[in-house]
Amino acid sequence: MPPITNALPDLDRTLAFFPAEARNPKALTSAQIKEYNESGYISPIDIFTAKEAAANREEFDFLITAAQEVGHTGYSR
């Protein structure tokens, strides 16, 4: 049996890649948009400042410790 390539064959649509375009990008650079169009992803991309990342790490460490103290393991996270 051949693989299913269209889960909704009765739907009139075009299954193709359409490159992202931005005339005046505000969040990404033109180079990042080009990379996305060529690779399908952008890496690395900064989401948090160093201070925000440190705060997130501190919160995650607290949550992991609290979970372990009540008997949860790595598989229950």
N, C-alpha and C. Protein backbone atom coordinates (compact mmCIF):
# COMPACT_ATOMS: atom_id res chain seq x y z
N MET A 1 0.85 -1.18 0.00
CA MET A 1 0.00 0.00 0.00
C MET A 1 0.90 1.24 0.00
N PRO A 2 0.67 2.19 -0.90
CA PRO A 2 1.50 3.41 -0.93
C PRO A 2 1.21 4.30 0.27
N PRO A 3 2.19 5.11 0.69
CA PRO A 3 1.96 5.99 1.83
C PRO A 3 0.90 7.04 1.52
N ILE A 4 0.19 7.45 2.55
CA ILE A 4 -0.82 8.51 2.41
C ILE A 4 -0.09 9.85 2.41
N THR A 5 -0.26 10.62 1.37
CA THR A 5 0.42 11.91 1.29
C THR A 5 -0.54 13.08 1.43
N ASN A 6 -1.83 12.79 1.45
CA ASN A 6 -2.82 13.85 1.58
C ASN A 6 -3.96 13.32 2.45
N ALA A 7 -3.99 13.74 3.70
CA ALA A 7 -5.01 13.26 4.63
C ALA A 7 -6.42 13.72 4.26
N LEU A 8 -6.52 14.78 3.48
CA LEU A 8 -7.83 15.31 3.10
C LEU A 8 -7.90 15.47 1.58
N PRO A 9 -7.97 14.36 0.84
CA PRO A 9 -7.91 14.46 -0.62
C PRO A 9 -9.09 15.20 -1.25
N ASP A 10 -10.22 15.28 -0.55
CA ASP A 10 -11.38 15.97 -1.12
C ASP A 10 -11.30 17.49 -0.94
N LEU A 11 -10.35 17.95 -0.16
CA LEU A 11 -10.19 19.38 0.08
C LEU A 11 -9.35 19.98 -1.04
N ASP A 12 -9.87 21.01 -1.69
CA ASP A 12 -9.16 21.66 -2.79
C ASP A 12 -8.09 22.57 -2.21
N ARG A 13 -6.83 22.12 -2.24
CA ARG A 13 -5.74 22.90 -1.68
C ARG A 13 -4.44 22.56 -2.38
N THR A 14 -3.48 23.42 -2.25
CA THR A 14 -2.16 23.21 -2.82
C THR A 14 -1.21 22.80 -1.71
N LEU A 15 -0.62 21.61 -1.85
CA LEU A 15 0.34 21.12 -0.88
C LEU A 15 1.74 21.42 -1.42
N ALA A 16 2.24 22.58 -1.04
CA ALA A 16 3.54 23.02 -1.52
C ALA A 16 4.13 24.00 -0.51
N PHE A 17 5.43 24.21 -0.61
CA PHE A 17 6.10 25.18 0.25
C PHE A 17 5.97 26.57 -0.37
N PHE A 18 5.56 27.53 0.44
CA PHE A 18 5.49 28.91 0.02
C PHE A 18 6.46 29.70 0.89
N PRO A 19 7.52 30.25 0.33
CA PRO A 19 8.52 30.97 1.12
C PRO A 19 7.90 32.12 1.92
N ALA A 20 8.40 32.29 3.14
CA ALA A 20 7.97 33.42 3.97
C ALA A 20 8.52 34.69 3.36
N GLU A 21 7.72 35.73 3.40
CA GLU A 21 8.15 37.02 2.88
C GLU A 21 7.86 38.09 3.92
N ALA A 22 8.71 39.06 3.99
CA ALA A 22 8.49 40.20 4.89
C ALA A 22 9.14 41.42 4.27
N ARG A 23 8.34 42.41 3.95
CA ARG A 23 8.89 43.62 3.35
C ARG A 23 9.64 44.47 4.37
N ASN A 24 9.06 44.59 5.56
CA ASN A 24 9.68 45.37 6.64
C ASN A 24 9.69 44.53 7.92
N PRO A 25 10.56 43.51 7.98
CA PRO A 25 10.53 42.64 9.17
C PRO A 25 10.88 43.40 10.44
N LYS A 26 10.17 43.08 11.53
CA LYS A 26 10.39 43.75 12.81
C LYS A 26 11.02 42.82 13.83
N ALA A 27 10.69 41.52 13.81
CA ALA A 27 11.21 40.59 14.80
C ALA A 27 12.39 39.79 14.28
N LEU A 28 12.37 39.42 13.01
CA LEU A 28 13.45 38.66 12.41
C LEU A 28 14.20 39.52 11.41
N THR A 29 15.45 39.17 11.19
CA THR A 29 16.21 39.87 10.16
C THR A 29 15.91 39.24 8.80
N SER A 30 16.26 39.93 7.75
CA SER A 30 16.08 39.37 6.41
C SER A 30 16.90 38.09 6.26
N ALA A 31 18.09 38.06 6.87
CA ALA A 31 18.93 36.86 6.81
C ALA A 31 18.26 35.68 7.51
N GLN A 32 17.58 35.93 8.64
CA GLN A 32 16.88 34.85 9.35
C GLN A 32 15.71 34.32 8.52
N ILE A 33 15.00 35.20 7.85
CA ILE A 33 13.89 34.78 7.00
C ILE A 33 14.43 33.94 5.84
N LYS A 34 15.55 34.37 5.27
CA LYS A 34 16.18 33.61 4.18
C LYS A 34 16.59 32.23 4.68
N GLU A 35 17.19 32.16 5.89
CA GLU A 35 17.59 30.88 6.47
C GLU A 35 16.39 29.97 6.67
N TYR A 36 15.29 30.55 7.17
CA TYR A 36 14.07 29.76 7.36
C TYR A 36 13.58 29.19 6.04
N ASN A 37 13.55 30.01 5.02
CA ASN A 37 13.08 29.56 3.71
C ASN A 37 13.98 28.47 3.14
N GLU A 38 15.26 28.52 3.43
CA GLU A 38 16.20 27.53 2.89
C GLU A 38 16.27 26.26 3.75
N SER A 39 16.19 26.41 5.07
CA SER A 39 16.41 25.27 5.97
C SER A 39 15.15 24.79 6.69
N GLY A 40 14.16 25.66 6.82
CA GLY A 40 12.96 25.28 7.53
C GLY A 40 13.00 25.60 9.02
N TYR A 41 14.08 26.22 9.46
CA TYR A 41 14.22 26.61 10.86
C TYR A 41 15.24 27.74 10.97
N ILE A 42 15.26 28.38 12.13
CA ILE A 42 16.22 29.44 12.43
C ILE A 42 16.96 29.05 13.70
N SER A 43 18.26 29.08 13.65
CA SER A 43 19.04 28.70 14.83
C SER A 43 20.40 29.38 14.78
N PRO A 44 20.89 29.88 15.88
CA PRO A 44 20.19 30.04 17.15
C PRO A 44 19.28 31.27 17.11
N ILE A 45 18.34 31.31 18.01
CA ILE A 45 17.47 32.48 18.11
C ILE A 45 17.30 32.79 19.60
N ASP A 46 17.61 33.99 19.97
CA ASP A 46 17.51 34.41 21.36
C ASP A 46 16.06 34.73 21.70
N ILE A 47 15.57 34.09 22.75
CA ILE A 47 14.20 34.33 23.19
C ILE A 47 14.20 35.07 24.52
N PHE A 48 15.10 34.64 25.42
CA PHE A 48 15.18 35.24 26.75
C PHE A 48 16.50 35.97 26.93
N THR A 49 16.48 37.01 27.72
CA THR A 49 17.72 37.67 28.12
C THR A 49 18.45 36.73 29.08
N ALA A 50 19.71 37.00 29.36
CA ALA A 50 20.47 36.18 30.31
C ALA A 50 19.80 36.19 31.68
N LYS A 51 19.28 37.34 32.09
CA LYS A 51 18.60 37.45 33.38
C LYS A 51 17.32 36.61 33.40
N GLU A 52 16.55 36.65 32.34
CA GLU A 52 15.32 35.86 32.26
C GLU A 52 15.64 34.36 32.24
N ALA A 53 16.66 33.97 31.50
CA ALA A 53 17.06 32.56 31.43
C ALA A 53 17.49 32.06 32.81
N ALA A 54 18.24 32.88 33.55
CA ALA A 54 18.68 32.50 34.89
C ALA A 54 17.47 32.34 35.83
N ALA A 55 16.50 33.22 35.72
CA ALA A 55 15.28 33.13 36.55
C ALA A 55 14.50 31.86 36.20
N ASN A 56 14.42 31.54 34.91
CA ASN A 56 13.73 30.31 34.49
C ASN A 56 14.45 29.09 35.05
N ARG A 57 15.79 29.08 34.96
CA ARG A 57 16.57 27.95 35.46
C ARG A 57 16.34 27.77 36.96
N GLU A 58 16.32 28.88 37.70
CA GLU A 58 16.09 28.83 39.14
C GLU A 58 14.72 28.24 39.45
N GLU A 59 13.71 28.66 38.72
CA GLU A 59 12.35 28.15 38.93
C GLU A 59 12.27 26.67 38.59
N PHE A 60 12.87 26.25 37.48
CA PHE A 60 12.85 24.84 37.11
C PHE A 60 13.58 23.99 38.15
N ASP A 61 14.72 24.46 38.63
CA ASP A 61 15.45 23.72 39.67
C ASP A 61 14.60 23.56 40.92
N PHE A 62 13.88 24.62 41.30
CA PHE A 62 13.00 24.56 42.46
C PHE A 62 11.90 23.53 42.25
N LEU A 63 11.28 23.55 41.08
CA LEU A 63 10.18 22.62 40.79
C LEU A 63 10.67 21.17 40.76
N ILE A 64 11.84 20.94 40.20
CA ILE A 64 12.39 19.59 40.15
C ILE A 64 12.68 19.08 41.56
N THR A 65 13.29 19.92 42.38
CA THR A 65 13.59 19.53 43.76
C THR A 65 12.31 19.24 44.53
N ALA A 66 11.31 20.10 44.38
CA ALA A 66 10.04 19.90 45.08
C ALA A 66 9.37 18.60 44.63
N ALA A 67 9.43 18.29 43.35
CA ALA A 67 8.83 17.06 42.84
C ALA A 67 9.56 15.84 43.39
N GLN A 68 10.88 15.91 43.45
CA GLN A 68 11.67 14.79 43.97
C GLN A 68 11.39 14.57 45.46
N GLU A 69 11.18 15.65 46.18
CA GLU A 69 10.93 15.54 47.63
C GLU A 69 9.62 14.81 47.95
N VAL A 70 8.68 14.81 47.01
CA VAL A 70 7.42 14.09 47.24
C VAL A 70 7.39 12.76 46.50
N GLY A 71 8.56 12.34 45.99
CA GLY A 71 8.67 11.01 45.40
C GLY A 71 8.58 10.89 43.91
N HIS A 72 8.47 11.99 43.20
CA HIS A 72 8.45 11.92 41.75
C HIS A 72 9.84 11.67 41.21
N THR A 73 9.90 10.96 40.09
CA THR A 73 11.19 10.67 39.46
C THR A 73 11.28 11.46 38.16
N GLY A 74 12.38 11.28 37.46
CA GLY A 74 12.57 11.95 36.17
C GLY A 74 11.50 11.56 35.15
N TYR A 75 10.93 10.36 35.29
CA TYR A 75 9.91 9.91 34.35
C TYR A 75 8.55 10.54 34.61
N SER A 76 8.35 11.10 35.79
CA SER A 76 7.04 11.67 36.11
C SER A 76 6.99 13.18 35.87
N ARG A 77 8.08 13.75 35.38
CA ARG A 77 8.07 15.19 35.12
C ARG A 77 7.30 15.44 33.88
